[in-house]
PDB file of N, CA and C in Angstrom:
ATOM      1  N   MET A   1      19.835   7.950 -75.744  1.00  0.00           N
ATOM      2  CA  MET A   1      19.770   8.465 -74.560  1.00  0.00           C
ATOM      3  C   MET A   1      19.206   9.934 -74.696  1.00  0.00           C
ATOM      4  N   GLU A   2      18.266  10.588 -73.431  1.00  0.00           N
ATOM      5  CA  GLU A   2      18.202  11.980 -73.311  1.00  0.00           C
ATOM      6  C   GLU A   2      18.785  12.641 -72.145  1.00  0.00           C
ATOM      7  N   THR A   3      19.487  13.602 -72.207  1.00  0.00           N
ATOM      8  CA  THR A   3      20.239  14.255 -71.123  1.00  0.00           C
ATOM      9  C   THR A   3      19.103  15.309 -70.953  1.00  0.00           C
ATOM     10  N   ARG A   4      18.575  15.338 -69.478  1.00  0.00           N
ATOM     11  CA  ARG A   4      17.482  16.657 -69.323  1.00  0.00           C
ATOM     12  C   ARG A   4      18.114  17.705 -68.229  1.00  0.00           C
ATOM     13  N   ILE A   5      18.103  18.880 -68.641  1.00  0.00           N
ATOM     14  CA  ILE A   5      18.355  19.807 -67.432  1.00  0.00           C
ATOM     15  C   ILE A   5      16.825  20.688 -67.330  1.00  0.00           C
ATOM     16  N   SER A   6      16.924  20.648 -65.994  1.00  0.00           N
ATOM     17  CA  SER A   6      15.505  21.571 -65.652  1.00  0.00           C
ATOM     18  C   SER A   6      16.002  22.568 -65.172  1.00  0.00           C
ATOM     19  N   LEU A   7      16.039  23.715 -65.527  1.00  0.00           N
ATOM     20  CA  LEU A   7      16.057  25.199 -64.905  1.00  0.00           C
ATOM     21  C   LEU A   7      15.428  25.803 -63.845  1.00  0.00           C
ATOM     22  N   GLY A   8      15.960  26.554 -63.181  1.00  0.00           N
ATOM     23  CA  GLY A   8      14.700  26.605 -61.944  1.00  0.00           C
ATOM     24  C   GLY A   8      14.067  27.845 -61.988  1.00  0.00           C
ATOM     25  N   ARG A   9      13.436  28.446 -61.096  1.00  0.00           N
ATOM     26  CA  ARG A   9      12.475  29.247 -61.165  1.00  0.00           C
ATOM     27  C   ARG A   9      13.274  30.710 -61.589  1.00  0.00           C
ATOM     28  N   ALA A  10      14.511  31.074 -60.937  1.00  0.00           N
ATOM     29  CA  ALA A  10      15.660  32.090 -61.239  1.00  0.00           C
ATOM     30  C   ALA A  10      16.691  32.004 -61.954  1.00  0.00           C
ATOM     31  N   GLY A  11      17.008  32.570 -63.214  1.00  0.00           N
ATOM     32  CA  GLY A  11      18.073  31.957 -63.806  1.00  0.00           C
ATOM     33  C   GLY A  11      19.346  32.656 -63.557  1.00  0.00           C
ATOM     34  N   GLY A  12      20.526  32.456 -62.942  1.00  0.00           N
ATOM     35  CA  GLY A  12      21.486  33.121 -62.760  1.00  0.00           C
ATOM     36  C   GLY A  12      21.609  34.660 -61.698  1.00  0.00           C
ATOM     37  N   LYS A  13      21.257  34.857 -61.009  1.00  0.00           N
ATOM     38  CA  LYS A  13      21.070  35.961 -60.419  1.00  0.00           C
ATOM     39  C   LYS A  13      22.356  36.559 -60.483  1.00  0.00           C
ATOM     40  N   ASP A  14      23.429  36.098 -60.285  1.00  0.00           N
ATOM     41  CA  ASP A  14      24.855  36.827 -60.446  1.00  0.00           C
ATOM     42  C   ASP A  14      25.477  36.720 -61.682  1.00  0.00           C
ATOM     43  N   GLY A  15      24.835  36.387 -62.840  1.00  0.00           N
ATOM     44  CA  GLY A  15      25.577  36.381 -64.122  1.00  0.00           C
ATOM     45  C   GLY A  15      25.750  35.223 -64.671  1.00  0.00           C
ATOM     46  N   TYR A  16      25.736  33.882 -64.079  1.00  0.00           N
ATOM     47  CA  TYR A  16      26.129  33.040 -64.364  1.00  0.00           C
ATOM     48  C   TYR A  16      25.007  31.821 -64.244  1.00  0.00           C
ATOM     49  N   TRP A  17      24.989  31.053 -64.997  1.00  0.00           N
ATOM     50  CA  TRP A  17      24.079  29.772 -65.326  1.00  0.00           C
ATOM     51  C   TRP A  17      24.767  28.347 -65.245  1.00  0.00           C
ATOM     52  N   PRO A  18      24.933  27.810 -64.254  1.00  0.00           N
ATOM     53  CA  PRO A  18      25.430  26.401 -63.925  1.00  0.00           C
ATOM     54  C   PRO A  18      25.001  25.307 -64.514  1.00  0.00           C
ATOM     55  N   ASP A  19      23.402  25.606 -64.962  1.00  0.00           N
ATOM     56  CA  ASP A  19      23.148  24.218 -65.100  1.00  0.00           C
ATOM     57  C   ASP A  19      23.206  24.129 -66.468  1.00  0.00           C
ATOM     58  N   LEU A  20      23.853  24.633 -67.523  1.00  0.00           N
ATOM     59  CA  LEU A  20      24.103  24.676 -68.873  1.00  0.00           C
ATOM     60  C   LEU A  20      25.405  24.006 -69.352  1.00  0.00           C
ATOM     61  N   PRO A  21      25.696  23.146 -69.111  1.00  0.00           N
ATOM     62  CA  PRO A  21      27.236  22.901 -69.405  1.00  0.00           C
ATOM     63  C   PRO A  21      27.693  22.199 -70.549  1.00  0.00           C
ATOM     64  N   LEU A  22      28.712  22.681 -71.112  1.00  0.00           N
ATOM     65  CA  LEU A  22      29.107  22.715 -72.342  1.00  0.00           C
ATOM     66  C   LEU A  22      30.272  21.705 -71.901  1.00  0.00           C
ATOM     67  N   GLU A  23      29.762  20.158 -72.538  1.00  0.00           N
ATOM     68  CA  GLU A  23      30.452  19.223 -72.771  1.00  0.00           C
ATOM     69  C   GLU A  23      30.389  18.593 -74.102  1.00  0.00           C
ATOM     70  N   ARG A  24      31.164  18.320 -74.982  1.00  0.00           N
ATOM     71  CA  ARG A  24      31.269  17.358 -75.676  1.00  0.00           C
ATOM     72  C   ARG A  24      31.365  16.324 -76.054  1.00  0.00           C
ATOM     73  N   ASP A  25      31.288  15.431 -75.112  1.00  0.00           N
ATOM     74  CA  ASP A  25      31.107  14.095 -75.019  1.00  0.00           C
ATOM     75  C   ASP A  25      29.254  14.006 -74.754  1.00  0.00           C
ATOM     76  N   GLU A  26      28.532  14.657 -74.545  1.00  0.00           N
ATOM     77  CA  GLU A  26      27.143  14.151 -73.923  1.00  0.00           C
ATOM     78  C   GLU A  26      26.424  13.717 -75.473  1.00  0.00           C
ATOM     79  N   PRO A  27      26.023  12.351 -74.701  1.00  0.00           N
ATOM     80  CA  PRO A  27      25.244  11.386 -76.016  1.00  0.00           C
ATOM     81  C   PRO A  27      24.082  11.308 -75.757  1.00  0.00           C
ATOM     82  N   GLY A  28      23.599  11.296 -76.997  1.00  0.00           N
ATOM     83  CA  GLY A  28      21.787  11.794 -77.116  1.00  0.00           C
ATOM     84  C   GLY A  28      21.739  13.361 -77.636  1.00  0.00           C
ATOM     85  N   GLN A  29      20.076  13.344 -76.949  1.00  0.00           N
ATOM     86  CA  GLN A  29      19.416  14.414 -77.106  1.00  0.00           C
ATOM     87  C   GLN A  29      19.662  15.336 -75.741  1.00  0.00           C
ATOM     88  N   LEU A  30      20.171  16.108 -76.026  1.00  0.00           N
ATOM     89  CA  LEU A  30      20.305  17.508 -74.838  1.00  0.00           C
ATOM     90  C   LEU A  30      18.447  18.274 -74.861  1.00  0.00           C
ATOM     91  N   VAL A  31      18.147  17.786 -73.760  1.00  0.00           N
ATOM     92  CA  VAL A  31      16.964  18.692 -73.657  1.00  0.00           C
ATOM     93  C   VAL A  31      16.924  19.502 -72.172  1.00  0.00           C
ATOM     94  N   VAL A  32      16.498  21.049 -72.674  1.00  0.00           N
ATOM     95  CA  VAL A  32      16.366  21.665 -71.335  1.00  0.00           C
ATOM     96  C   VAL A  32      15.001  22.331 -71.151  1.00  0.00           C
ATOM     97  N   ASP A  33      14.661  21.995 -69.895  1.00  0.00           N
ATOM     98  CA  ASP A  33      12.984  22.167 -69.624  1.00  0.00           C
ATOM     99  C   ASP A  33      13.315  23.549 -68.855  1.00  0.00           C
ATOM    100  N   ALA A  34      12.455  24.862 -69.717  1.00  0.00           N
ATOM    101  CA  ALA A  34      12.796  25.800 -68.883  1.00  0.00           C
ATOM    102  C   ALA A  34      11.374  26.522 -68.398  1.00  0.00           C
ATOM    103  N   THR A  35      10.348  25.408 -68.493  1.00  0.00           N
ATOM    104  CA  THR A  35       8.892  25.581 -67.966  1.00  0.00           C
ATOM    105  C   THR A  35       8.521  26.066 -66.570  1.00  0.00           C
ATOM    106  N   ARG A  36       9.666  26.041 -65.531  1.00  0.00           N
ATOM    107  CA  ARG A  36       9.617  26.733 -64.622  1.00  0.00           C
ATOM    108  C   ARG A  36      10.179  28.239 -64.217  1.00  0.00           C
ATOM    109  N   LEU A  37      10.683  28.215 -65.319  1.00  0.00           N
ATOM    110  CA  LEU A  37      11.764  29.383 -65.579  1.00  0.00           C
ATOM    111  C   LEU A  37      10.914  31.151 -65.296  1.00  0.00           C
ATOM    112  N   LEU A  38      10.891  31.393 -63.878  1.00  0.00           N
ATOM    113  CA  LEU A  38      10.064  32.749 -64.057  1.00  0.00           C
ATOM    114  C   LEU A  38      11.067  33.981 -63.824  1.00  0.00           C
ATOM    115  N   ASP A  39      12.318  34.174 -63.884  1.00  0.00           N
ATOM    116  CA  ASP A  39      12.779  35.104 -64.192  1.00  0.00           C
ATOM    117  C   ASP A  39      14.309  34.691 -64.776  1.00  0.00           C
ATOM    118  N   PHE A  40      15.083  35.742 -65.257  1.00  0.00           N
ATOM    119  CA  PHE A  40      16.332  35.525 -65.829  1.00  0.00           C
ATOM    120  C   PHE A  40      17.143  36.703 -65.588  1.00  0.00           C
ATOM    121  N   HIS A  41      18.589  36.990 -65.508  1.00  0.00           N
ATOM    122  CA  HIS A  41      19.165  38.142 -65.442  1.00  0.00           C
ATOM    123  C   HIS A  41      19.512  38.371 -66.899  1.00  0.00           C
ATOM    124  N   PRO A  42      19.413  39.677 -67.302  1.00  0.00           N
ATOM    125  CA  PRO A  42      19.374  39.901 -68.756  1.00  0.00           C
ATOM    126  C   PRO A  42      20.899  39.487 -69.022  1.00  0.00           C
ATOM    127  N   MET A  43      21.920  39.470 -68.249  1.00  0.00           N
ATOM    128  CA  MET A  43      23.074  38.680 -68.962  1.00  0.00           C
ATOM    129  C   MET A  43      23.322  37.781 -69.473  1.00  0.00           C
ATOM    130  N   LEU A  44      22.158  36.634 -68.740  1.00  0.00           N
ATOM    131  CA  LEU A  44      22.221  35.734 -69.358  1.00  0.00           C
ATOM    132  C   LEU A  44      21.234  35.171 -70.469  1.00  0.00           C
ATOM    133  N   ALA A  45      21.093  36.180 -71.120  1.00  0.00           N
ATOM    134  CA  ALA A  45      20.188  35.692 -72.721  1.00  0.00           C
ATOM    135  C   ALA A  45      21.394  35.291 -73.400  1.00  0.00           C
ATOM    136  N   LEU A  46      22.710  35.414 -73.444  1.00  0.00           N
ATOM    137  CA  LEU A  46      23.425  34.833 -74.118  1.00  0.00           C
ATOM    138  C   LEU A  46      24.045  33.538 -73.905  1.00  0.00           C
ATOM    139  N   ARG A  47      23.828  32.820 -72.567  1.00  0.00           N
ATOM    140  CA  ARG A  47      24.204  31.834 -71.955  1.00  0.00           C
ATOM    141  C   ARG A  47      23.415  30.727 -72.841  1.00  0.00           C
ATOM    142  N   PRO A  48      22.149  30.836 -72.887  1.00  0.00           N
ATOM    143  CA  PRO A  48      21.133  29.671 -73.310  1.00  0.00           C
ATOM    144  C   PRO A  48      21.504  29.182 -75.014  1.00  0.00           C
ATOM    145  N   ARG A  49      21.804  30.375 -75.321  1.00  0.00           N
ATOM    146  CA  ARG A  49      22.094  30.487 -76.787  1.00  0.00           C
ATOM    147  C   ARG A  49      23.484  30.329 -77.495  1.00  0.00           C
ATOM    148  N   LEU A  50      24.330  30.301 -76.502  1.00  0.00           N
ATOM    149  CA  LEU A  50      25.484  29.646 -76.450  1.00  0.00           C
ATOM    150  C   LEU A  50      25.624  28.260 -76.383  1.00  0.00           C
ATOM    151  N   PHE A  51      25.021  28.029 -75.239  1.00  0.00           N
ATOM    152  CA  PHE A  51      24.835  26.433 -74.868  1.00  0.00           C
ATOM    153  C   PHE A  51      24.269  25.503 -76.068  1.00  0.00           C
ATOM    154  N   ILE A  52      23.277  26.202 -76.990  1.00  0.00           N
ATOM    155  CA  ILE A  52      22.555  25.800 -78.250  1.00  0.00           C
ATOM    156  C   ILE A  52      23.406  25.499 -79.073  1.00  0.00           C
ATOM    157  N   ASP A  53      24.230  26.705 -79.517  1.00  0.00           N
ATOM    158  CA  ASP A  53      24.786  26.568 -80.434  1.00  0.00           C
ATOM    159  C   ASP A  53      26.109  25.787 -80.321  1.00  0.00           C
ATOM    160  N   TRP A  54      26.735  25.779 -79.250  1.00  0.00           N
ATOM    161  CA  TRP A  54      27.969  24.611 -78.723  1.00  0.00           C
ATOM    162  C   TRP A  54      27.602  23.387 -78.950  1.00  0.00           C
ATOM    163  N   HIS A  55      26.544  22.764 -78.743  1.00  0.00           N
ATOM    164  CA  HIS A  55      25.872  21.364 -78.715  1.00  0.00           C
ATOM    165  C   HIS A  55      25.880  21.271 -80.451  1.00  0.00           C
ATOM    166  N   LEU A  56      24.943  22.198 -81.041  1.00  0.00           N
ATOM    167  CA  LEU A  56      24.556  21.937 -82.589  1.00  0.00           C
ATOM    168  C   LEU A  56      25.896  21.455 -83.009  1.00  0.00           C
ATOM    169  N   ALA A  57      26.680  22.351 -82.667  1.00  0.00           N
ATOM    170  CA  ALA A  57      28.290  22.280 -83.730  1.00  0.00           C
ATOM    171  C   ALA A  57      28.805  21.220 -83.401  1.00  0.00           C
ATOM    172  N   ALA A  58      28.778  20.570 -81.611  1.00  0.00           N
ATOM    173  CA  ALA A  58      29.397  19.060 -81.752  1.00  0.00           C
ATOM    174  C   ALA A  58      28.183  18.055 -82.119  1.00  0.00           C
ATOM    175  N   GLY A  59      27.356  18.674 -83.022  1.00  0.00           N
ATOM    176  CA  GLY A  59      26.381  17.714 -83.352  1.00  0.00           C
ATOM    177  C   GLY A  59      25.605  16.721 -82.651  1.00  0.00           C
ATOM    178  N   HIS A  60      25.414  17.414 -81.170  1.00  0.00           N
ATOM    179  CA  HIS A  60      24.007  16.970 -80.878  1.00  0.00           C
ATOM    180  C   HIS A  60      22.920  17.413 -81.164  1.00  0.00           C
ATOM    181  N   ARG A  61      21.543  16.482 -80.817  1.00  0.00           N
ATOM    182  CA  ARG A  61      20.589  16.871 -80.868  1.00  0.00           C
ATOM    183  C   ARG A  61      19.918  17.691 -79.459  1.00  0.00           C
ATOM    184  N   VAL A  62      19.343  18.998 -79.719  1.00  0.00           N
ATOM    185  CA  VAL A  62      19.281  19.770 -78.360  1.00  0.00           C
ATOM    186  C   VAL A  62      17.574  20.361 -78.853  1.00  0.00           C
ATOM    187  N   HIS A  63      17.077  20.395 -77.713  1.00  0.00           N
ATOM    188  CA  HIS A  63      15.382  20.724 -78.017  1.00  0.00           C
ATOM    189  C   HIS A  63      15.138  21.569 -76.295  1.00  0.00           C
ATOM    190  N   VAL A  64      14.726  23.149 -76.371  1.00  0.00           N
ATOM    191  CA  VAL A  64      14.404  23.560 -75.373  1.00  0.00           C
ATOM    192  C   VAL A  64      12.907  23.764 -75.400  1.00  0.00           C
ATOM    193  N   ILE A  65      12.287  23.675 -74.136  1.00  0.00           N
ATOM    194  CA  ILE A  65      11.151  23.807 -73.932  1.00  0.00           C
ATOM    195  C   ILE A  65      10.659  24.990 -73.092  1.00  0.00           C
ATOM    196  N   ALA A  66      10.309  26.042 -73.766  1.00  0.00           N
ATOM    197  CA  ALA A  66       9.725  26.961 -73.492  1.00  0.00           C
ATOM    198  C   ALA A  66       9.640  27.298 -72.233  1.00  0.00           C
ATOM    199  N   PRO A  67       9.715  28.484 -71.640  1.00  0.00           N
ATOM    200  CA  PRO A  67       9.158  28.950 -70.207  1.00  0.00           C
ATOM    201  C   PRO A  67       7.623  29.119 -70.239  1.00  0.00           C
ATOM    202  N   ALA A  68       6.681  28.327 -69.326  1.00  0.00           N
ATOM    203  CA  ALA A  68       5.513  28.374 -69.097  1.00  0.00           C
ATOM    204  C   ALA A  68       5.054  29.986 -69.105  1.00  0.00           C
ATOM    205  N   SER A  69       5.952  30.582 -68.295  1.00  0.00           N
ATOM    206  CA  SER A  69       5.447  32.447 -68.403  1.00  0.00           C
ATOM    207  C   SER A  69       5.694  32.814 -69.528  1.00  0.00           C
ATOM    208  N   GLN A  70       4.555  33.339 -69.991  1.00  0.00           N
ATOM    209  CA  GLN A  70       4.514  33.913 -71.450  1.00  0.00           C
ATOM    210  C   GLN A  70       5.492  35.246 -71.395  1.00  0.00           C
ATOM    211  N   ILE A  71       5.324  35.497 -70.179  1.00  0.00           N
ATOM    212  CA  ILE A  71       6.488  37.180 -70.392  1.00  0.00           C
ATOM    213  C   ILE A  71       7.840  36.593 -70.324  1.00  0.00           C
ATOM    214  N   VAL A  72       8.199  35.613 -69.400  1.00  0.00           N
ATOM    215  CA  VAL A  72       9.642  34.970 -69.758  1.00  0.00           C
ATOM    216  C   VAL A  72      10.073  34.356 -70.937  1.00  0.00           C
ATOM    217  N   ALA A  73       9.045  33.638 -71.689  1.00  0.00           N
ATOM    218  CA  ALA A  73       9.074  33.690 -72.893  1.00  0.00           C
ATOM    219  C   ALA A  73       9.466  34.788 -73.776  1.00  0.00           C
ATOM    220  N   GLU A  74       8.768  35.352 -73.796  1.00  0.00           N
ATOM    221  CA  GLU A  74       8.633  37.009 -74.694  1.00  0.00           C
ATOM    222  C   GLU A  74      10.086  37.686 -74.363  1.00  0.00           C
ATOM    223  N   ARG A  75      10.386  37.666 -73.104  1.00  0.00           N
ATOM    224  CA  ARG A  75      11.764  38.202 -72.804  1.00  0.00           C
ATOM    225  C   ARG A  75      12.850  37.656 -73.634  1.00  0.00           C
ATOM    226  N   LEU A  76      12.746  35.935 -73.561  1.00  0.00           N
ATOM    227  CA  LEU A  76      13.953  35.328 -74.267  1.00  0.00           C
ATOM    228  C   LEU A  76      14.049  35.470 -75.576  1.00  0.00           C
ATOM    229  N   SER A  77      12.729  35.527 -76.327  1.00  0.00           N
ATOM    230  CA  SER A  77      12.996  36.009 -77.974  1.00  0.00           C
ATOM    231  C   SER A  77      13.064  37.111 -78.061  1.00  0.00           C
ATOM    232  N   ASP A  78      12.876  37.945 -77.377  1.00  0.00           N
ATOM    233  CA  ASP A  78      12.933  39.826 -77.580  1.00  0.00           C
ATOM    234  C   ASP A  78      15.124  39.537 -77.273  1.00  0.00           C
ATOM    235  N   PHE A  79      15.377  39.010 -76.848  1.00  0.00           N
ATOM    236  CA  PHE A  79      16.710  38.770 -76.846  1.00  0.00           C
ATOM    237  C   PHE A  79      17.453  38.126 -77.960  1.00  0.00           C
ATOM    238  N   GLY A  80      16.413  37.770 -78.738  1.00  0.00           N
ATOM    239  CA  GLY A  80      16.844  36.945 -79.956  1.00  0.00           C
ATOM    240  C   GLY A  80      17.222  35.445 -79.626  1.00  0.00           C
ATOM    241  N   ILE A  81      17.273  34.692 -78.888  1.00  0.00           N
ATOM    242  CA  ILE A  81      17.698  33.266 -77.858  1.00  0.00           C
ATOM    243  C   ILE A  81      17.232  32.418 -79.579  1.00  0.00           C
ATOM    244  N   ALA A  82      16.227  32.359 -80.055  1.00  0.00           N
ATOM    245  CA  ALA A  82      15.665  31.626 -81.009  1.00  0.00           C
ATOM    246  C   ALA A  82      16.098  31.966 -82.507  1.00  0.00           C
ATOM    247  N   ARG A  83      16.846  33.027 -82.720  1.00  0.00           N
ATOM    248  CA  ARG A  83      16.798  33.423 -84.294  1.00  0.00           C
ATOM    249  C   ARG A  83      17.422  32.355 -85.194  1.00  0.00           C
ATOM    250  N   ASP A  84      17.168  32.294 -86.157  1.00  0.00           N
ATOM    251  CA  ASP A  84      17.743  31.645 -87.029  1.00  0.00           C
ATOM    252  C   ASP A  84      17.685  29.873 -86.516  1.00  0.00           C
ATOM    253  N   LEU A  85      17.133  29.400 -86.085  1.00  0.00           N
ATOM    254  CA  LEU A  85      16.928  28.133 -85.066  1.00  0.00           C
ATOM    255  C   LEU A  85      15.440  27.563 -85.557  1.00  0.00           C
ATOM    256  N   ARG A  86      15.616  26.015 -85.975  1.00  0.00           N
ATOM    257  CA  ARG A  86      14.374  25.638 -86.120  1.00  0.00           C
ATOM    258  C   ARG A  86      13.476  25.573 -84.744  1.00  0.00           C
ATOM    259  N   SER A  87      12.084  25.644 -85.220  1.00  0.00           N
ATOM    260  CA  SER A  87      11.359  25.488 -84.187  1.00  0.00           C
ATOM    261  C   SER A  87      11.547  24.309 -83.231  1.00  0.00           C
ATOM    262  N   GLU A  88      11.796  22.997 -84.049  1.00  0.00           N
ATOM    263  CA  GLU A  88      11.870  22.081 -83.405  1.00  0.00           C
ATOM    264  C   GLU A  88      13.078  21.941 -81.886  1.00  0.00           C
ATOM    265  N   ILE A  89      14.261  23.017 -82.226  1.00  0.00           N
ATOM    266  CA  ILE A  89      15.312  23.262 -81.581  1.00  0.00           C
ATOM    267  C   ILE A  89      14.612  24.019 -80.370  1.00  0.00           C
ATOM    268  N   VAL A  90      13.870  25.216 -80.311  1.00  0.00           N
ATOM    269  CA  VAL A  90      13.175  26.054 -79.176  1.00  0.00           C
ATOM    270  C   VAL A  90      12.270  26.742 -80.027  1.00  0.00           C
ATOM    271  N   SER A  91      10.918  27.007 -79.450  1.00  0.00           N
ATOM    272  CA  SER A  91      10.142  27.583 -79.791  1.00  0.00           C
ATOM    273  C   SER A  91       9.494  28.629 -79.015  1.00  0.00           C
ATOM    274  N   LEU A  92       9.829  29.980 -79.511  1.00  0.00           N
ATOM    275  CA  LEU A  92       9.407  31.167 -78.539  1.00  0.00           C
ATOM    276  C   LEU A  92       8.506  32.307 -79.505  1.00  0.00           C
ATOM    277  N   PRO A  93       7.641  33.030 -79.010  1.00  0.00           N
ATOM    278  CA  PRO A  93       6.852  33.798 -79.394  1.00  0.00           C
ATOM    279  C   PRO A  93       7.629  34.548 -80.574  1.00  0.00           C
ATOM    280  N   GLN A  94       7.374  35.260 -81.722  1.00  0.00           N
ATOM    281  CA  GLN A  94       8.072  36.163 -82.628  1.00  0.00           C
ATOM    282  C   GLN A  94       8.104  37.623 -81.368  1.00  0.00           C
ATOM    283  N   PRO A  95       9.473  38.265 -81.685  1.00  0.00           N
ATOM    284  CA  PRO A  95       9.533  39.431 -81.081  1.00  0.00           C
ATOM    285  C   PRO A  95       8.742  40.143 -81.692  1.00  0.00           C
ATOM    286  N   THR A  96       7.935  41.397 -80.841  1.00  0.00           N
ATOM    287  CA  THR A  96       7.434  42.094 -81.741  1.00  0.00           C
ATOM    288  C   THR A  96       8.257  43.594 -81.732  1.00  0.00           C
ATOM    289  N   ASN A  97       7.933  44.533 -82.770  1.00  0.00           N
ATOM    290  CA  ASN A  97       8.900  45.772 -83.351  1.00  0.00           C
ATOM    291  C   ASN A  97       8.923  46.785 -81.393  1.00  0.00           C
ATOM    292  N   ARG A  98       7.965  46.808 -81.327  1.00  0.00           N
ATOM    293  CA  ARG A  98       8.023  47.614 -79.690  1.00  0.00           C
ATOM    294  C   ARG A  98       9.306  46.819 -78.745  1.00  0.00           C
ATOM    295  N   ARG A  99       8.774  45.878 -78.769  1.00  0.00           N
ATOM    296  CA  ARG A  99       9.863  45.051 -77.638  1.00  0.00           C
ATOM    297  C   ARG A  99      11.369  44.899 -78.155  1.00  0.00           C
ATOM    298  N   ARG A 100      11.457  44.848 -79.290  1.00  0.00           N
ATOM    299  CA  ARG A 100      12.785  44.982 -80.085  1.00  0.00           C
ATOM    300  C   ARG A 100      13.602  46.000 -79.730  1.00  0.00           C
ATOM    301  N   ASP A 101      13.105  46.974 -80.078  1.00  0.00           N
ATOM    302  CA  ASP A 101      13.321  48.616 -79.689  1.00  0.00           C
ATOM    303  C   ASP A 101      13.927  48.722 -78.335  1.00  0.00           C
ATOM    304  N   GLN A 102      13.577  47.954 -77.442  1.00  0.00           N
ATOM    305  CA  GLN A 102      14.106  48.090 -75.833  1.00  0.00           C
ATOM    306  C   GLN A 102      15.084  47.422 -75.593  1.00  0.00           C
ATOM    307  N   LEU A 103      16.010  46.803 -76.269  1.00  0.00           N
ATOM    308  CA  LEU A 103      17.110  45.995 -75.865  1.00  0.00           C
ATOM    309  C   LEU A 103      17.663  45.344 -76.870  1.00  0.00           C
ATOM    310  N   VAL A 104      19.024  45.391 -76.681  1.00  0.00           N
ATOM    311  CA  VAL A 104      20.162  44.548 -77.244  1.00  0.00           C
ATOM    312  C   VAL A 104      20.122  43.136 -77.796  1.00  0.00           C
ATOM    313  N   PRO A 105      19.578  42.667 -78.820  1.00  0.00           N
ATOM    314  CA  PRO A 105      19.393  41.087 -78.965  1.00  0.00           C
ATOM    315  C   PRO A 105      20.586  40.447 -79.183  1.00  0.00           C
ATOM    316  N   VAL A 106      21.056  39.343 -78.322  1.00  0.00           N
ATOM    317  CA  VAL A 106      22.040  38.393 -78.907  1.00  0.00           C
ATOM    318  C   VAL A 106      22.525  38.279 -80.436  1.00  0.00           C
ATOM    319  N   THR A 107      23.574  38.474 -80.753  1.00  0.00           N
ATOM    320  CA  THR A 107      24.029  38.534 -81.987  1.00  0.00           C
ATOM    321  C   THR A 107      25.019  37.441 -82.484  1.00  0.00           C
ATOM    322  N   ARG A 108      24.999  36.569 -82.967  1.00  0.00           N
ATOM    323  CA  ARG A 108      26.069  35.626 -83.518  1.00  0.00           C
ATOM    324  C   ARG A 108      26.658  35.959 -84.591  1.00  0.00           C
ATOM    325  N   PHE A 109      28.060  36.035 -84.253  1.00  0.00           N
ATOM    326  CA  PHE A 109      29.553  36.440 -84.995  1.00  0.00           C
ATOM    327  C   PHE A 109      30.269  34.754 -85.489  1.00  0.00           C
ATOM    328  N   ARG A 110      30.335  35.181 -86.757  1.00  0.00           N
ATOM    329  CA  ARG A 110      31.099  33.642 -86.848  1.00  0.00           C
ATOM    330  C   ARG A 110      32.717  33.673 -87.129  1.00  0.00           C
ATOM    331  N   ASP A 111      33.179  35.176 -87.023  1.00  0.00           N
ATOM    332  CA  ASP A 111      34.514  35.606 -87.020  1.00  0.00           C
ATOM    333  C   ASP A 111      34.791  37.047 -86.392  1.00  0.00           C
ATOM    334  N   HIS A 112      36.083  37.262 -86.234  1.00  0.00           N
ATOM    335  CA  HIS A 112      36.336  38.778 -85.649  1.00  0.00           C
ATOM    336  C   HIS A 112      35.930  39.781 -86.669  1.00  0.00           C
ATOM    337  N   VAL A 113      36.339  39.428 -87.891  1.00  0.00           N
ATOM    338  CA  VAL A 113      35.520  40.560 -89.163  1.00  0.00           C
ATOM    339  C   VAL A 113      34.415  40.920 -88.895  1.00  0.00           C
ATOM    340  N   ALA A 114      33.075  40.137 -88.805  1.00  0.00           N
ATOM    341  CA  ALA A 114      31.668  40.048 -88.942  1.00  0.00           C
ATOM    342  C   ALA A 114      31.468  41.331 -87.592  1.00  0.00           C
ATOM    343  N   VAL A 115      32.574  40.693 -86.625  1.00  0.00           N
ATOM    344  CA  VAL A 115      32.250  41.930 -85.125  1.00  0.00           C
ATOM    345  C   VAL A 115      32.630  43.314 -85.287  1.00  0.00           C
ATOM    346  N   GLU A 116      33.780  43.529 -86.489  1.00  0.00           N
ATOM    347  CA  GLU A 116      34.147  44.840 -86.690  1.00  0.00           C
ATOM    348  C   GLU A 116      33.161  45.106 -87.763  1.00  0.00           C
ATOM    349  N   ASP A 117      32.501  44.587 -88.783  1.00  0.00           N
ATOM    350  CA  ASP A 117      31.598  45.234 -89.666  1.00  0.00           C
ATOM    351  C   ASP A 117      30.200  45.703 -88.744  1.00  0.00           C
ATOM    352  N   GLU A 118      29.737  44.991 -87.797  1.00  0.00           N
ATOM    353  CA  GLU A 118      28.833  45.198 -86.756  1.00  0.00           C
ATOM    354  C   GLU A 118      28.890  46.431 -86.412  1.00  0.00           C
ATOM    355  N   VAL A 119      30.059  46.552 -85.690  1.00  0.00           N
ATOM    356  CA  VAL A 119      30.219  47.692 -84.940  1.00  0.00           C
ATOM    357  C   VAL A 119      30.556  49.169 -85.410  1.00  0.00           C
ATOM    358  N   SER A 120      30.830  49.213 -87.015  1.00  0.00           N
ATOM    359  CA  SER A 120      31.312  50.652 -87.932  1.00  0.00           C
ATOM    360  C   SER A 120      30.150  50.450 -88.449  1.00  0.00           C
TER     361      SER A 120
END
């Protein structure tokens, strides 16, 4: 069974993305269709990655269909949404050094010690 979540044209104007539920009892594969996404709030770069990691940790299969807009796909990539994930899960363009230097990417920490190491 497949659960399909279609993201609208704009994602979370107020810093919240209600379309990405964190339910542990989702059956089958979760497909996030972001093809229509034309813009998103920068604070929401974290939310899709949290959604992906949450469901992968629960043993769910997750697939994210990249935005049709190359600009939006590049922005998501620059934020590190697909970092260390197989392309079968999410396929985004590789961030360029120029773009990467313009923002702080999403960083995954496995425990509080890693946060302290990163900050110091």
